[in-house]
C-alpha atoms as a PDB file:
ATOM      1  CA  MET A   1     -89.545  37.584   1.280  1.00  0.00           C
ATOM      2  CA  ASP A   2     -89.529  41.222   2.117  1.00  0.00           C
ATOM      3  CA  THR A   3     -92.504  42.925   0.387  1.00  0.00           C
ATOM      4  CA  ARG A   4     -90.171  45.944  -0.396  1.00  0.00           C
ATOM      5  CA  TYR A   5     -87.508  43.901  -1.784  1.00  0.00           C
ATOM      6  CA  MET A   6     -90.320  42.157  -4.013  1.00  0.00           C
ATOM      7  CA  LEU A   7     -91.450  45.337  -5.387  1.00  0.00           C
ATOM      8  CA  GLU A   8     -88.169  46.547  -6.213  1.00  0.00           C
ATOM      9  CA  ALA A   9     -87.579  43.648  -8.235  1.00  0.00           C
ATOM     10  CA  LYS A  10     -90.622  43.925  -9.993  1.00  0.00           C
ATOM     11  CA  LYS A  11     -90.007  47.603 -10.698  1.00  0.00           C
ATOM     12  CA  HIS A  12     -86.539  46.769 -12.195  1.00  0.00           C
ATOM     13  CA  GLN A  13     -87.976  44.170 -14.443  1.00  0.00           C
ATOM     14  CA  ILE A  14     -90.537  46.529 -15.785  1.00  0.00           C
ATOM     15  CA  GLU A  15     -87.789  49.101 -16.246  1.00  0.00           C
ATOM     16  CA  VAL A  16     -85.453  46.486 -18.226  1.00  0.00           C
ATOM     17  CA  ASN A  17     -88.505  45.485 -20.402  1.00  0.00           C
ATOM     18  CA  LEU A  18     -89.384  49.137 -21.046  1.00  0.00           C
ATOM     19  CA  ALA A  19     -85.811  49.877 -22.102  1.00  0.00           C
ATOM     20  CA  ALA A  20     -85.904  47.130 -24.464  1.00  0.00           C
ATOM     21  CA  LEU A  21     -89.039  48.422 -25.912  1.00  0.00           C
ATOM     22  CA  PHE A  22     -87.936  51.800 -26.322  1.00  0.00           C
ATOM     23  CA  ASP A  23     -84.859  50.608 -28.361  1.00  0.00           C
ATOM     24  CA  GLU A  24     -87.023  48.358 -30.475  1.00  0.00           C
ATOM     25  CA  VAL A  25     -89.599  51.068 -31.352  1.00  0.00           C
ATOM     26  CA  GLY A  26     -86.964  53.333 -32.261  1.00  0.00           C
ATOM     27  CA  ASN A  27     -85.421  50.829 -34.624  1.00  0.00           C
ATOM     28  CA  ALA A  28     -88.615  50.300 -36.079  1.00  0.00           C
ATOM     29  CA  ILE A  29     -89.071  54.062 -36.980  1.00  0.00           C
ATOM     30  CA  ASP A  30     -85.411  54.029 -38.464  1.00  0.00           C
ATOM     31  CA  ALA A  31     -85.999  50.816 -40.425  1.00  0.00           C
ATOM     32  CA  ALA A  32     -89.385  52.247 -41.737  1.00  0.00           C
ATOM     33  CA  ILE A  33     -87.614  55.332 -43.233  1.00  0.00           C
ATOM     34  CA  ARG A  34     -84.629  53.126 -44.516  1.00  0.00           C
ATOM     35  CA  CYS A  35     -87.122  51.000 -46.393  1.00  0.00           C
ATOM     36  CA  LEU A  36     -88.650  54.286 -47.900  1.00  0.00           C
ATOM     37  CA  VAL A  37     -85.365  55.468 -48.970  1.00  0.00           C
ATOM     38  CA  LYS A  38     -84.310  52.194 -50.360  1.00  0.00           C
ATOM     39  CA  LYS A  39     -87.283  50.678 -51.453  1.00  0.00           C
ATOM     40  CA  ASP A  40     -86.782  47.551 -49.481  1.00  0.00           C
ATOM     41  CA  GLN A  41     -89.909  45.362 -49.678  1.00  0.00           C
ATOM     42  CA  GLY A  42     -88.401  42.614 -47.338  1.00  0.00           C
ATOM     43  CA  VAL A  43     -87.886  45.166 -44.613  1.00  0.00           C
ATOM     44  CA  CYS A  44     -91.353  46.672 -45.099  1.00  0.00           C
ATOM     45  CA  GLU A  45     -92.763  43.163 -44.786  1.00  0.00           C
ATOM     46  CA  ALA A  46     -90.645  42.375 -41.610  1.00  0.00           C
ATOM     47  CA  LEU A  47     -91.614  45.727 -39.956  1.00  0.00           C
ATOM     48  CA  ILE A  48     -95.482  44.686 -40.449  1.00  0.00           C
ATOM     49  CA  ARG A  49     -95.012  41.426 -39.015  1.00  0.00           C
ATOM     50  CA  ASN A  50     -93.094  42.171 -36.123  1.00  0.00           C
ATOM     51  CA  ASP A  51     -95.987  44.575 -35.091  1.00  0.00           C
ATOM     52  CA  VAL A  52     -97.883  41.692 -33.519  1.00  0.00           C
ATOM     53  CA  ASN A  53     -94.545  41.155 -31.443  1.00  0.00           C
ATOM     54  CA  LEU A  54     -94.506  44.754 -30.271  1.00  0.00           C
ATOM     55  CA  ASN A  55     -98.254  44.410 -29.227  1.00  0.00           C
ATOM     56  CA  GLU A  56     -97.561  41.361 -27.151  1.00  0.00           C
ATOM     57  CA  LYS A  57     -94.516  43.008 -25.274  1.00  0.00           C
ATOM     58  CA  ARG A  58     -96.907  45.899 -24.276  1.00  0.00           C
ATOM     59  CA  ARG A  59     -99.372  43.298 -23.195  1.00  0.00           C
ATOM     60  CA  LEU A  60     -96.702  41.705 -20.973  1.00  0.00           C
ATOM     61  CA  LEU A  61     -95.293  44.897 -19.653  1.00  0.00           C
ATOM     62  CA  GLU A  62     -98.949  46.229 -18.662  1.00  0.00           C
ATOM     63  CA  GLN A  63     -99.569  42.862 -16.971  1.00  0.00           C
ATOM     64  CA  ASP A  64     -96.435  43.205 -14.988  1.00  0.00           C
ATOM     65  CA  CYS A  65     -97.450  46.877 -13.881  1.00  0.00           C
ATOM     66  CA  LEU A  66    -100.897  45.525 -12.817  1.00  0.00           C
ATOM     67  CA  VAL A  67     -99.433  42.692 -10.994  1.00  0.00           C
ATOM     68  CA  ALA A  68     -96.968  45.011  -9.192  1.00  0.00           C
ATOM     69  CA  ILE A  69     -99.874  47.289  -8.211  1.00  0.00           C
ATOM     70  CA  ALA A  70    -102.141  44.532  -7.165  1.00  0.00           C
ATOM     71  CA  SER A  71     -99.869  42.343  -5.342  1.00  0.00           C
ATOM     72  CA  GLN A  72     -97.113  44.555  -3.755  1.00  0.00           C
ATOM     73  CA  GLN A  73     -99.217  47.562  -2.433  1.00  0.00           C
ATOM     74  CA  PRO A  74     -96.787  50.267  -3.608  1.00  0.00           C
ATOM     75  CA  VAL A  75     -96.721  53.504  -1.695  1.00  0.00           C
ATOM     76  CA  ALA A  76     -97.497  56.796  -3.406  1.00  0.00           C
ATOM     77  CA  HIS A  77     -94.248  57.355  -5.430  1.00  0.00           C
ATOM     78  CA  ASP A  78     -93.918  53.814  -6.582  1.00  0.00           C
ATOM     79  CA  LEU A  79     -97.523  53.708  -7.543  1.00  0.00           C
ATOM     80  CA  ARG A  80     -96.760  56.929  -9.780  1.00  0.00           C
ATOM     81  CA  ASP A  81     -93.797  55.277 -11.178  1.00  0.00           C
ATOM     82  CA  ILE A  82     -95.799  51.924 -12.323  1.00  0.00           C
ATOM     83  CA  ILE A  83     -98.458  54.055 -13.589  1.00  0.00           C
ATOM     84  CA  ALA A  84     -96.269  56.243 -15.761  1.00  0.00           C
ATOM     85  CA  ASP A  85     -94.400  53.311 -17.181  1.00  0.00           C
ATOM     86  CA  MET A  86     -97.758  51.566 -17.948  1.00  0.00           C
ATOM     87  CA  ARG A  87     -98.757  54.717 -19.920  1.00  0.00           C
ATOM     88  CA  ILE A  88     -95.390  55.045 -21.629  1.00  0.00           C
ATOM     89  CA  THR A  89     -95.706  51.379 -22.839  1.00  0.00           C
ATOM     90  CA  SER A  90     -98.958  52.193 -24.347  1.00  0.00           C
ATOM     91  CA  GLU A  91     -97.373  55.187 -26.270  1.00  0.00           C
ATOM     92  CA  LEU A  92     -94.549  53.198 -27.407  1.00  0.00           C
ATOM     93  CA  GLU A  93     -96.826  50.407 -28.941  1.00  0.00           C
ATOM     94  CA  ARG A  94     -98.423  53.000 -30.644  1.00  0.00           C
ATOM     95  CA  MET A  95     -95.302  54.474 -32.179  1.00  0.00           C
ATOM     96  CA  GLY A  96     -94.630  51.013 -33.335  1.00  0.00           C
ATOM     97  CA  ASP A  97     -97.850  50.830 -35.214  1.00  0.00           C
ATOM     98  CA  TYR A  98     -97.164  54.056 -36.938  1.00  0.00           C
ATOM     99  CA  ALA A  99     -93.697  52.389 -38.130  1.00  0.00           C
ATOM    100  CA  ALA A 100     -95.671  49.617 -39.573  1.00  0.00           C
ATOM    101  CA  ASP A 101     -98.134  51.905 -41.147  1.00  0.00           C
ATOM    102  CA  ILE A 102     -95.199  53.897 -42.934  1.00  0.00           C
ATOM    103  CA  ALA A 103     -94.087  50.371 -44.242  1.00  0.00           C
ATOM    104  CA  ALA A 104     -97.393  49.547 -45.644  1.00  0.00           C
ATOM    105  CA  SER A 105     -97.441  52.871 -47.332  1.00  0.00           C
ATOM    106  CA  VAL A 106     -94.123  52.150 -48.839  1.00  0.00           C
ATOM    107  CA  LEU A 107     -95.362  48.883 -50.255  1.00  0.00           C
ATOM    108  CA  GLU A 108     -98.352  50.725 -51.972  1.00  0.00           C
ATOM    109  CA  MET A 109     -95.804  53.046 -53.854  1.00  0.00           C
ATOM    110  CA  ASP A 110     -94.597  52.679 -57.393  1.00  0.00           C
ATOM    111  CA  GLY A 111     -91.024  52.773 -58.342  1.00  0.00           C
ATOM    112  CA  ASP A 112     -90.861  56.574 -59.177  1.00  0.00           C
ATOM    113  CA  ASP A 113     -88.160  58.838 -57.762  1.00  0.00           C
ATOM    114  CA  LEU A 114     -89.393  60.453 -54.575  1.00  0.00           C
ATOM    115  CA  SER A 115     -86.962  63.362 -54.452  1.00  0.00           C
ATOM    116  CA  ALA A 116     -89.394  65.829 -55.983  1.00  0.00           C
ATOM    117  CA  LEU A 117     -92.002  64.602 -53.161  1.00  0.00           C
ATOM    118  CA  GLY A 118     -90.311  65.838 -50.295  1.00  0.00           C
ATOM    119  CA  LEU A 119     -88.186  62.666 -49.438  1.00  0.00           C
ATOM    120  CA  LEU A 120     -85.461  64.943 -47.805  1.00  0.00           C
ATOM    121  CA  ASP A 121     -87.938  66.631 -45.718  1.00  0.00           C
ATOM    122  CA  VAL A 122     -89.534  63.341 -44.775  1.00  0.00           C
ATOM    123  CA  GLN A 123     -86.029  62.106 -43.779  1.00  0.00           C
ATOM    124  CA  ARG A 124     -85.619  65.351 -41.506  1.00  0.00           C
ATOM    125  CA  MET A 125     -88.910  64.540 -39.756  1.00  0.00           C
ATOM    126  CA  SER A 126     -87.752  61.055 -39.084  1.00  0.00           C
ATOM    127  CA  GLY A 127     -84.499  62.443 -37.779  1.00  0.00           C
ATOM    128  CA  LEU A 128     -86.261  64.737 -35.452  1.00  0.00           C
ATOM    129  CA  CYS A 129     -88.603  62.236 -34.238  1.00  0.00           C
ATOM    130  CA  GLN A 130     -85.611  59.837 -33.481  1.00  0.00           C
ATOM    131  CA  ASP A 131     -84.132  62.693 -31.392  1.00  0.00           C
ATOM    132  CA  MET A 132     -87.360  63.304 -29.553  1.00  0.00           C
ATOM    133  CA  LEU A 133     -87.650  59.592 -28.671  1.00  0.00           C
ATOM    134  CA  SER A 134     -84.047  59.202 -27.619  1.00  0.00           C
ATOM    135  CA  HIS A 135     -84.578  62.307 -25.372  1.00  0.00           C
ATOM    136  CA  ALA A 136     -87.727  60.951 -23.804  1.00  0.00           C
ATOM    137  CA  MET A 137     -86.000  57.761 -23.284  1.00  0.00           C
ATOM    138  CA  ARG A 138     -82.898  59.422 -21.445  1.00  0.00           C
ATOM    139  CA  ALA A 139     -85.357  61.654 -19.484  1.00  0.00           C
ATOM    140  CA  HIS A 140     -87.083  58.546 -18.299  1.00  0.00           C
ATOM    141  CA  ARG A 141     -83.960  56.651 -17.436  1.00  0.00           C
ATOM    142  CA  GLU A 142     -82.502  59.474 -15.469  1.00  0.00           C
ATOM    143  CA  ASN A 143     -85.488  61.011 -14.083  1.00  0.00           C
ATOM    144  CA  ASP A 144     -84.801  64.323 -15.875  1.00  0.00           C
ATOM    145  CA  ALA A 145     -87.826  66.585 -16.062  1.00  0.00           C
ATOM    146  CA  ALA A 146     -85.918  69.533 -17.746  1.00  0.00           C
ATOM    147  CA  LEU A 147     -84.873  67.265 -20.676  1.00  0.00           C
ATOM    148  CA  ALA A 148     -88.437  65.769 -20.836  1.00  0.00           C
ATOM    149  CA  ARG A 149     -89.672  69.574 -21.336  1.00  0.00           C
ATOM    150  CA  ARG A 150     -87.236  69.836 -24.264  1.00  0.00           C
ATOM    151  CA  VAL A 151     -89.141  66.934 -26.076  1.00  0.00           C
ATOM    152  CA  GLY A 152     -92.340  69.494 -26.022  1.00  0.00           C
ATOM    153  CA  ALA A 153     -90.421  72.180 -27.709  1.00  0.00           C
ATOM    154  CA  ASP A 154     -89.128  69.754 -30.443  1.00  0.00           C
ATOM    155  CA  ASP A 155     -92.498  68.819 -31.251  1.00  0.00           C
ATOM    156  CA  ASP A 156     -93.338  72.392 -32.381  1.00  0.00           C
ATOM    157  CA  GLU A 157     -90.517  72.126 -34.940  1.00  0.00           C
ATOM    158  CA  LEU A 158     -92.089  68.755 -36.230  1.00  0.00           C
ATOM    159  CA  ASP A 159     -95.419  70.281 -36.598  1.00  0.00           C
ATOM    160  CA  ALA A 160     -93.758  73.076 -38.760  1.00  0.00           C
ATOM    161  CA  LEU A 161     -92.134  70.520 -40.858  1.00  0.00           C
ATOM    162  CA  LEU A 162     -95.279  68.652 -41.457  1.00  0.00           C
ATOM    163  CA  HIS A 163     -97.068  71.826 -42.441  1.00  0.00           C
ATOM    164  CA  HIS A 164     -94.245  73.043 -44.879  1.00  0.00           C
ATOM    165  CA  LEU A 165     -94.133  69.359 -46.293  1.00  0.00           C
ATOM    166  CA  SER A 166     -97.978  68.932 -46.729  1.00  0.00           C
ATOM    167  CA  GLY A 167     -98.173  72.300 -48.660  1.00  0.00           C
ATOM    168  CA  ALA A 168     -95.316  71.346 -50.896  1.00  0.00           C
ATOM    169  CA  LEU A 169     -96.739  68.008 -51.599  1.00  0.00           C
ATOM    170  CA  MET A 170    -100.362  69.482 -52.574  1.00  0.00           C
ATOM    171  CA  ASP A 171     -98.501  71.820 -54.936  1.00  0.00           C
ATOM    172  CA  ALA A 172     -96.720  69.004 -56.745  1.00  0.00           C
ATOM    173  CA  MET A 173     -99.632  66.902 -57.003  1.00  0.00           C
ATOM    174  CA  ARG A 174    -101.407  69.687 -58.312  1.00  0.00           C
ATOM    175  CA  ALA A 175     -98.828  70.438 -60.762  1.00  0.00           C
ATOM    176  CA  ASN A 176     -98.342  66.879 -62.175  1.00  0.00           C
ATOM    177  CA  PRO A 177    -101.220  64.335 -61.482  1.00  0.00           C
ATOM    178  CA  ALA A 178     -98.645  61.573 -62.002  1.00  0.00           C
ATOM    179  CA  HIS A 179     -97.432  62.440 -58.421  1.00  0.00           C
ATOM    180  CA  VAL A 180    -100.770  61.876 -57.046  1.00  0.00           C
ATOM    181  CA  HIS A 181    -100.046  57.932 -56.086  1.00  0.00           C
ATOM    182  CA  ASN A 182     -96.798  58.495 -54.423  1.00  0.00           C
ATOM    183  CA  GLY A 183     -97.565  62.046 -53.106  1.00  0.00           C
ATOM    184  CA  SER A 184    -100.623  61.077 -51.121  1.00  0.00           C
ATOM    185  CA  ARG A 185     -98.764  57.947 -49.536  1.00  0.00           C
ATOM    186  CA  MET A 186     -95.867  60.511 -48.491  1.00  0.00           C
ATOM    187  CA  LEU A 187     -98.478  62.513 -46.874  1.00  0.00           C
ATOM    188  CA  TRP A 188     -99.622  59.699 -44.778  1.00  0.00           C
ATOM    189  CA  ILE A 189     -96.023  58.708 -44.085  1.00  0.00           C
ATOM    190  CA  ALA A 190     -95.302  62.401 -43.095  1.00  0.00           C
ATOM    191  CA  HIS A 191     -98.563  62.404 -40.638  1.00  0.00           C
ATOM    192  CA  ASN A 192     -97.525  59.127 -39.054  1.00  0.00           C
ATOM    193  CA  LEU A 193     -94.173  60.705 -38.088  1.00  0.00           C
ATOM    194  CA  GLU A 194     -95.827  63.645 -36.723  1.00  0.00           C
ATOM    195  CA  ARG A 195     -97.874  61.452 -34.545  1.00  0.00           C
ATOM    196  CA  CYS A 196     -94.658  59.644 -33.448  1.00  0.00           C
ATOM    197  CA  GLY A 197     -93.793  62.915 -32.216  1.00  0.00           C
ATOM    198  CA  ASP A 198     -96.897  63.377 -30.368  1.00  0.00           C
ATOM    199  CA  ARG A 199     -96.421  60.059 -28.764  1.00  0.00           C
ATOM    200  CA  ALA A 200     -92.974  60.920 -27.806  1.00  0.00           C
ATOM    201  CA  THR A 201     -94.264  64.076 -26.152  1.00  0.00           C
ATOM    202  CA  ASN A 202     -96.895  62.206 -24.309  1.00  0.00           C
ATOM    203  CA  ILE A 203     -94.040  59.991 -22.925  1.00  0.00           C
ATOM    204  CA  ALA A 204     -92.259  63.098 -21.894  1.00  0.00           C
ATOM    205  CA  GLU A 205     -95.306  64.084 -19.992  1.00  0.00           C
ATOM    206  CA  GLN A 206     -95.318  60.875 -18.059  1.00  0.00           C
ATOM    207  CA  VAL A 207     -91.640  61.455 -17.093  1.00  0.00           C
ATOM    208  CA  ILE A 208     -92.688  64.671 -15.511  1.00  0.00           C
ATOM    209  CA  PHE A 209     -95.317  62.985 -14.007  1.00  0.00           C
ATOM    210  CA  ARG A 210     -93.191  60.471 -12.502  1.00  0.00           C
ATOM    211  CA  VAL A 211     -90.440  63.210 -11.211  1.00  0.00           C
ATOM    212  CA  GLU A 212     -92.789  65.924 -10.080  1.00  0.00           C
ATOM    213  CA  GLY A 213     -96.103  64.171  -9.460  1.00  0.00           C
ATOM    214  CA  VAL A 214     -97.952  66.673 -11.828  1.00  0.00           C
ATOM    215  CA  GLU A 215     -99.891  66.138 -14.945  1.00  0.00           C
ATOM    216  CA  VAL A 216     -98.796  68.533 -17.740  1.00  0.00           C
ATOM    217  CA  GLU A 217     -99.424  69.106 -21.586  1.00  0.00           C
ATOM    218  CA  LEU A 218     -96.392  69.778 -23.551  1.00  0.00           C
ATOM    219  CA  ASN A 219     -98.133  70.293 -26.826  1.00  0.00           C
END
């Protein structure tokens, strides 16, 4: 069988599996915030259990990338595509870890109302994080470096939201020690969402690497 055909087939398989991982990680982040809002213990526990599956999917994708490099002798642009996809796989797996960490924090909370502890701000952070991941995914699919650069700009807004929320949470916990238990966990949840944004930005950087062949830092 023609070597070029085999390489293209392997790259196609990698892209299909990577698209599925994009979707699964996006769903995990969305589910983590839904279980925070609804205090759904079952959803939280399912997210934590599924983290093992995400780790395995990362391993298999990275294995496919390494096999393609070792066996198909890709030329420069193919090699760049495969290396970028392998890096993106790692970033997505870490985002899945953050979703599981959010679920674990929710399980540690008591049943008190979270409206005074920045729940709406956390939901805004989650929405922005989801948008960043969606834009990074589309930029990857369409090889759109301009769209990838927009992800870096959105990361600044996410950082600003975290800064605002952190200050408000500290004020709330100082004013009422009863808020410390849930408030400290909301801080961790917000931090995990901010880290998700950083990972989405890293993915966008890999898109630019694929398209333009240059290493950039967007944040």
